[in-house]
């Protein structure tokens, strides 16, 4: 055997060993691995990918990427891989959602690279797929806690300001009125002092549900803390409409509460600010509504 033949044989053997190592790494990787054609059809997947999405390896060869992602996610992925094809990026990392066999949806992190031939021509994509569903749930839970009241689940002060800002922008664009309402429960401290804060919290939950039921879905109601609530009424045509909503809200609150076998009647002091006559920005409207609520308490002889 001459030197050329020996070198060729060694090269072929080395290539076989390299392919075998790749096969082992691909097949036994603890994360999902997939090879797809340039048009998105699955050419090969590993067992972790099968377990992730719930399809067998043979089933996957009949699927396109579009079968397991939404149109929005598919378009996002296609836009991203254009950077691979153009050479602008060497690899991509992006989030997506996969539709599993059976209907469940999981969140995944995709690591995508383009494999090219000896002359630089695109051949196929290879991707690593990591399930991040639990991480996304945790992030959503943390986000919800940051923007919602822990007792009632209502928007908190921070989210309320964001919603009010959006409502103001919409009111300006549509040249509509908007009402901001501050609502403070009267003598609610008596429930806490008589029955304890646990029962007081139950009462606040009931009142929060009544407020939500009395409003339209497009309106906003938030708990600022304690026994203070704020509301935004969108697109109100006139003062009479605002007054009718306030009467409805107050009537709902004043329905007797049965707590620990005792009946309590809770009332509320209300302050209103109207865009545009009382102010055109968030802070001014909040200050006017708060001041008017204080005047309502003062008029009724109730300490704030």
Protein backbone atom coordinates (compact mmCIF):
# COMPACT_ATOMS: atom_id res chain seq x y z
CA UNK A 1 0.00 0.00 0.00
CA UNK A 2 1.55 3.31 -1.05
CA UNK A 3 1.69 6.44 1.10
CA UNK A 4 -1.24 8.07 -0.75
CA UNK A 5 -3.49 5.07 -0.16
CA UNK A 6 -2.49 4.93 3.50
CA UNK A 7 -3.22 8.65 3.97
CA UNK A 8 -6.61 8.30 2.30
CA UNK A 9 -7.52 5.30 4.44
CA UNK A 10 -6.51 7.16 7.59
CA UNK A 11 -8.53 10.21 6.51
CA UNK A 12 -11.59 8.06 5.86
CA UNK A 13 -11.20 6.33 9.21
CA UNK A 14 -10.78 9.68 10.94
CA UNK A 15 -13.90 10.98 9.23
CA UNK A 16 -15.87 7.92 10.36
CA UNK A 17 -14.70 8.41 13.93
CA UNK A 18 -15.63 12.09 13.78
CA UNK A 19 -19.11 11.26 12.43
CA UNK A 20 -19.58 8.64 15.14
CA UNK A 21 -18.62 11.13 17.86
CA UNK A 22 -21.09 13.63 16.42
CA UNK A 23 -23.81 10.97 16.30
CA UNK A 24 -23.23 10.02 19.93
CA UNK A 25 -23.19 13.64 21.10
CA UNK A 26 -26.33 14.41 19.06
CA UNK A 27 -28.32 11.34 20.03
CA UNK A 28 -27.47 11.32 23.74
CA UNK A 29 -27.44 15.06 24.44
CA UNK A 30 -29.60 15.88 27.50
CA UNK A 31 -31.21 18.79 25.63
CA UNK A 32 -33.23 18.75 22.44
CA UNK A 33 -31.24 18.59 19.21
CA UNK A 34 -32.65 18.96 15.72
CA UNK A 35 -31.40 19.22 12.16
CA UNK A 36 -33.76 20.93 9.75
CA UNK A 37 -33.62 21.61 6.06
CA UNK A 38 -33.44 25.13 4.69
CA UNK A 39 -37.23 25.19 4.25
CA UNK A 40 -37.92 24.08 7.83
CA UNK A 41 -38.55 20.34 7.49
CA UNK A 42 -37.09 18.14 10.22
CA UNK A 43 -34.33 15.87 8.98
CA UNK A 44 -33.22 14.39 12.28
CA UNK A 45 -33.99 14.84 16.00
CA UNK A 46 -32.63 13.24 19.14
CA UNK A 47 -34.52 11.47 21.92
CA UNK A 48 -34.52 14.54 24.15
CA UNK A 49 -36.32 16.49 21.40
CA UNK A 50 -38.86 13.68 21.03
CA UNK A 51 -39.50 13.68 24.77
CA UNK A 52 -39.78 17.45 24.79
CA UNK A 53 -42.48 17.74 22.15
CA UNK A 54 -44.09 14.30 22.34
CA UNK A 55 -43.50 13.05 18.79
CA UNK A 56 -41.48 9.99 17.81
CA UNK A 57 -38.37 10.33 15.67
CA UNK A 58 -40.17 8.92 12.62
CA UNK A 59 -43.10 11.29 13.12
CA UNK A 60 -40.74 14.24 13.22
CA UNK A 61 -39.45 13.48 9.72
CA UNK A 62 -42.99 14.18 8.42
CA UNK A 63 -43.22 17.54 10.21
CA UNK A 64 -42.30 21.08 9.29
CA UNK A 65 -41.30 23.75 11.79
CA UNK A 66 -44.64 25.41 11.06
CA UNK A 67 -46.43 22.37 12.55
CA UNK A 68 -45.09 23.01 16.06
CA UNK A 69 -44.83 26.83 16.27
CA UNK A 70 -47.36 29.63 15.85
CA UNK A 71 -47.30 31.81 12.75
CA UNK A 72 -45.87 34.70 14.79
CA UNK A 73 -43.03 32.60 16.16
CA UNK A 74 -42.36 31.03 12.76
CA UNK A 75 -42.05 34.47 11.16
CA UNK A 76 -39.75 35.58 13.98
CA UNK A 77 -37.51 32.56 13.42
CA UNK A 78 -37.48 33.01 9.63
CA UNK A 79 -36.55 36.67 10.00
CA UNK A 80 -33.73 35.72 12.38
CA UNK A 81 -32.25 32.99 10.19
CA UNK A 82 -31.96 35.45 7.31
CA UNK A 83 -29.01 36.82 9.28
CA UNK A 84 -27.42 33.37 9.20
CA UNK A 85 -27.95 33.01 5.46
CA UNK A 86 -26.51 36.46 4.79
CA UNK A 87 -23.49 35.78 7.00
CA UNK A 88 -24.41 38.65 9.32
CA UNK A 89 -24.60 36.22 12.26
CA UNK A 90 -22.85 32.92 12.92
CA UNK A 91 -25.41 31.62 15.38
CA UNK A 92 -28.73 32.76 16.86
CA UNK A 93 -30.30 32.57 20.29
CA UNK A 94 -34.01 33.30 20.58
CA UNK A 95 -37.13 32.29 22.49
CA UNK A 96 -40.12 30.54 20.99
CA UNK A 97 -43.16 28.46 21.94
CA UNK A 98 -43.69 24.89 20.78
CA UNK A 99 -47.03 23.13 20.40
CA UNK A 100 -46.59 19.67 21.84
CA UNK A 101 -48.32 16.52 20.67
CA UNK A 102 -51.55 16.63 22.71
CA UNK A 103 -51.96 20.41 22.72
CA UNK A 104 -49.69 21.60 25.54
CA UNK A 105 -47.54 24.67 24.90
CA UNK A 106 -43.97 24.93 26.16
CA UNK A 107 -41.50 27.82 26.08
CA UNK A 108 -38.09 27.02 24.65
CA UNK A 109 -34.76 28.71 24.05
CA UNK A 110 -33.41 28.01 20.56
CA UNK A 111 -29.71 28.03 19.67
CA UNK A 112 -29.49 27.85 15.87
CA UNK A 113 -26.47 27.57 13.57
CA UNK A 114 -26.26 27.19 9.80
CA UNK A 115 -24.08 24.40 8.43
CA UNK A 116 -22.43 25.20 5.10
CA UNK A 117 -20.74 23.00 2.50
CA UNK A 118 -17.13 23.03 1.40
CA UNK A 119 -17.80 25.92 -0.97
CA UNK A 120 -19.86 27.93 1.51
CA UNK A 121 -23.27 26.87 0.24
CA UNK A 122 -26.00 26.57 2.95
CA UNK A 123 -26.83 22.93 3.70
CA UNK A 124 -29.04 22.72 6.79
CA UNK A 125 -29.68 24.19 10.23
CA UNK A 126 -28.72 22.55 13.49
CA UNK A 127 -30.46 23.63 16.63
CA UNK A 128 -30.27 23.09 20.36
CA UNK A 129 -33.60 23.36 22.16
CA UNK A 130 -33.85 24.04 25.92
CA UNK A 131 -37.16 23.90 27.79
CA UNK A 132 -37.56 27.18 29.75
CA UNK A 133 -41.25 26.79 30.61
CA UNK A 134 -40.71 26.76 34.37
CA UNK A 135 -38.43 29.77 34.15
CA UNK A 136 -41.06 31.69 32.17
CA UNK A 137 -43.73 30.80 34.74
CA UNK A 138 -41.48 32.03 37.51
CA UNK A 139 -40.77 35.27 35.63
CA UNK A 140 -44.49 35.82 35.02
CA UNK A 141 -45.22 35.20 38.69
CA UNK A 142 -42.58 37.73 39.75
CA UNK A 143 -43.90 40.23 37.20
CA UNK A 144 -47.46 39.76 38.47
CA UNK A 145 -46.33 40.32 42.05
CA UNK A 146 -44.56 43.54 41.04
CA UNK A 147 -47.66 45.03 39.40
CA UNK A 148 -50.56 43.58 41.38
CA UNK A 149 -51.88 43.85 44.91
CA UNK A 150 -51.11 40.63 46.76
CA UNK A 151 -54.44 40.58 48.65
CA UNK A 152 -56.99 41.32 45.93
CA UNK A 153 -55.05 40.57 42.75
CA UNK A 154 -55.98 44.04 41.47
CA UNK A 155 -53.46 46.33 39.76
CA UNK A 156 -51.30 48.14 42.32
CA UNK A 157 -50.21 51.78 42.34
CA UNK A 158 -47.45 51.24 39.76
CA UNK A 159 -49.65 49.43 37.24
CA UNK A 160 -52.50 51.85 37.84
CA UNK A 161 -50.31 54.79 36.80
CA UNK A 162 -49.34 52.93 33.63
CA UNK A 163 -52.99 52.16 32.84
CA UNK A 164 -54.01 55.76 33.55
CA UNK A 165 -51.26 57.04 31.25
CA UNK A 166 -52.51 54.77 28.46
CA UNK A 167 -56.11 55.84 29.08
CA UNK A 168 -55.13 59.51 28.94
CA UNK A 169 -53.34 59.03 25.62
CA UNK A 170 -56.42 57.31 24.24
CA UNK A 171 -58.71 60.04 25.57
CA UNK A 172 -56.57 62.73 23.91
CA UNK A 173 -56.50 60.88 20.61
CA UNK A 174 -60.28 60.34 20.61
CA UNK A 175 -61.12 63.71 22.22
CA UNK A 176 -63.09 62.00 24.99
CA UNK A 177 -63.68 62.65 28.67
CA UNK A 178 -62.02 60.49 31.27
CA UNK A 179 -62.76 60.23 34.99
CA UNK A 180 -60.32 59.36 37.77
CA UNK A 181 -61.99 58.30 41.01
CA UNK A 182 -60.42 57.98 44.46
CA UNK A 183 -62.41 55.85 46.86
CA UNK A 184 -61.67 55.42 50.55
CA UNK A 185 -63.75 53.19 52.81
CA UNK A 186 -65.23 54.98 55.82
CA UNK A 187 -64.42 53.74 59.32
CA UNK A 188 -63.09 50.47 57.95
CA UNK A 189 -60.68 50.43 60.88
CA UNK A 190 -63.61 49.38 63.07
CA UNK A 191 -63.80 46.00 61.32
CA UNK A 192 -60.08 45.41 61.81
CA UNK A 193 -60.26 46.51 65.46
CA UNK A 194 -63.37 44.43 66.19
CA UNK A 195 -62.70 41.23 64.26
CA UNK A 196 -59.02 41.40 63.41
CA UNK A 197 -57.08 41.97 60.22
CA UNK A 198 -57.75 38.49 58.85
CA UNK A 199 -61.50 39.21 58.68
CA UNK A 200 -60.75 42.74 57.51
CA UNK A 201 -58.78 41.28 54.60
CA UNK A 202 -61.71 39.01 53.70
CA UNK A 203 -63.98 42.07 53.68
CA UNK A 204 -61.56 43.92 51.38
CA UNK A 205 -61.60 41.01 48.95
CA UNK A 206 -65.40 41.07 48.83
CA UNK A 207 -65.45 44.84 48.27
CA UNK A 208 -62.81 44.51 45.53
CA UNK A 209 -64.99 41.93 43.75
CA UNK A 210 -68.00 44.24 44.04
CA UNK A 211 -66.05 47.11 42.51
CA UNK A 212 -64.90 44.99 39.58
CA UNK A 213 -68.45 43.72 39.00
CA UNK A 214 -69.84 47.27 38.99
CA UNK A 215 -67.51 48.46 36.22
CA UNK A 216 -67.10 47.76 32.53
CA UNK A 217 -64.21 45.54 31.45
CA UNK A 218 -62.62 48.54 29.76
CA UNK A 219 -62.49 50.49 33.03
CA UNK A 220 -59.64 50.18 35.53
CA UNK A 221 -59.84 49.58 39.27
CA UNK A 222 -56.79 49.28 41.52
CA UNK A 223 -56.01 49.00 45.21
CA UNK A 224 -53.45 51.51 46.39
CA UNK A 225 -53.15 49.91 49.81
CA UNK A 226 -55.13 49.80 53.03
CA UNK A 227 -58.76 50.59 52.22
CA UNK A 228 -58.03 52.94 49.31
CA UNK A 229 -59.05 52.17 45.74
CA UNK A 230 -58.67 54.11 42.51
CA UNK A 231 -60.68 53.84 39.32
CA UNK A 232 -60.47 55.10 35.75
CA UNK A 233 -63.63 55.40 33.65
CA UNK A 234 -62.91 55.44 29.91
CA UNK A 235 -64.88 57.38 27.32
CA UNK A 236 -67.54 58.82 29.63
CA UNK A 237 -69.87 61.12 27.62
CA UNK A 238 -70.88 63.55 30.39
CA UNK A 239 -70.99 64.30 34.11
CA UNK A 240 -74.35 62.54 34.53
CA UNK A 241 -72.81 59.30 33.29
CA UNK A 242 -69.99 59.61 35.82
CA UNK A 243 -72.47 60.28 38.63
CA UNK A 244 -74.49 57.19 37.70
CA UNK A 245 -71.38 54.99 37.83
CA UNK A 246 -70.40 56.44 41.21
CA UNK A 247 -73.91 55.79 42.57
CA UNK A 248 -73.67 52.21 41.31
CA UNK A 249 -70.27 51.73 42.94
CA UNK A 250 -71.31 53.23 46.28
CA UNK A 251 -74.51 51.15 46.32
CA UNK A 252 -72.51 47.98 45.69
CA UNK A 253 -70.14 48.79 48.55
CA UNK A 254 -72.98 49.56 50.97
CA UNK A 255 -74.58 46.13 50.61
CA UNK A 256 -74.26 44.72 54.16
CA UNK A 257 -71.29 42.46 54.85
CA UNK A 258 -71.87 39.39 57.01
CA UNK A 259 -68.65 38.74 58.92
CA UNK A 260 -68.28 36.25 61.75
CA UNK A 261 -72.05 36.23 62.24
CA UNK A 262 -72.24 40.02 62.44
CA UNK A 263 -73.54 42.45 59.87
CA UNK A 264 -71.42 45.42 58.85
CA UNK A 265 -72.39 48.24 56.52
CA UNK A 266 -69.41 49.91 54.89
CA UNK A 267 -69.67 53.28 53.20
CA UNK A 268 -67.14 55.11 51.07
CA UNK A 269 -65.91 58.64 50.47
CA UNK A 270 -65.38 59.48 46.83
CA UNK A 271 -63.33 62.07 44.97
CA UNK A 272 -63.44 62.61 41.22
CA UNK A 273 -61.19 64.36 38.71
CA UNK A 274 -62.24 64.71 35.07
CA UNK A 275 -60.04 65.05 32.02
CA UNK A 276 -59.66 67.57 30.47
CA UNK A 277 -61.29 70.17 32.74
CA UNK A 278 -59.53 69.17 35.99
CA UNK A 279 -56.15 68.41 34.48
CA UNK A 280 -54.37 66.92 31.49
CA UNK A 281 -51.65 64.82 33.14
CA UNK A 282 -51.54 61.87 35.49
CA UNK A 283 -50.21 63.64 38.60
CA UNK A 284 -52.65 66.55 38.41
CA UNK A 285 -55.68 64.28 38.00
CA UNK A 286 -54.59 62.08 40.90
CA UNK A 287 -54.04 65.09 43.15
CA UNK A 288 -57.44 66.59 42.30
CA UNK A 289 -59.26 63.29 42.86
CA UNK A 290 -57.44 62.75 46.18
CA UNK A 291 -58.25 66.27 47.35
CA UNK A 292 -61.93 65.89 46.42
CA UNK A 293 -62.11 62.61 48.33
CA UNK A 294 -60.72 64.36 51.39
CA UNK A 295 -63.39 67.05 51.03
CA UNK A 296 -66.07 64.34 50.88
CA UNK A 297 -64.81 62.81 54.14
CA UNK A 298 -64.62 66.23 55.74
CA UNK A 299 -68.17 67.00 54.67
CA UNK A 300 -69.35 63.81 56.37
CA UNK A 301 -67.32 64.52 59.49
CA UNK A 302 -65.08 61.49 59.04
CA UNK A 303 -61.38 61.61 59.88
CA UNK A 304 -59.20 60.38 57.11
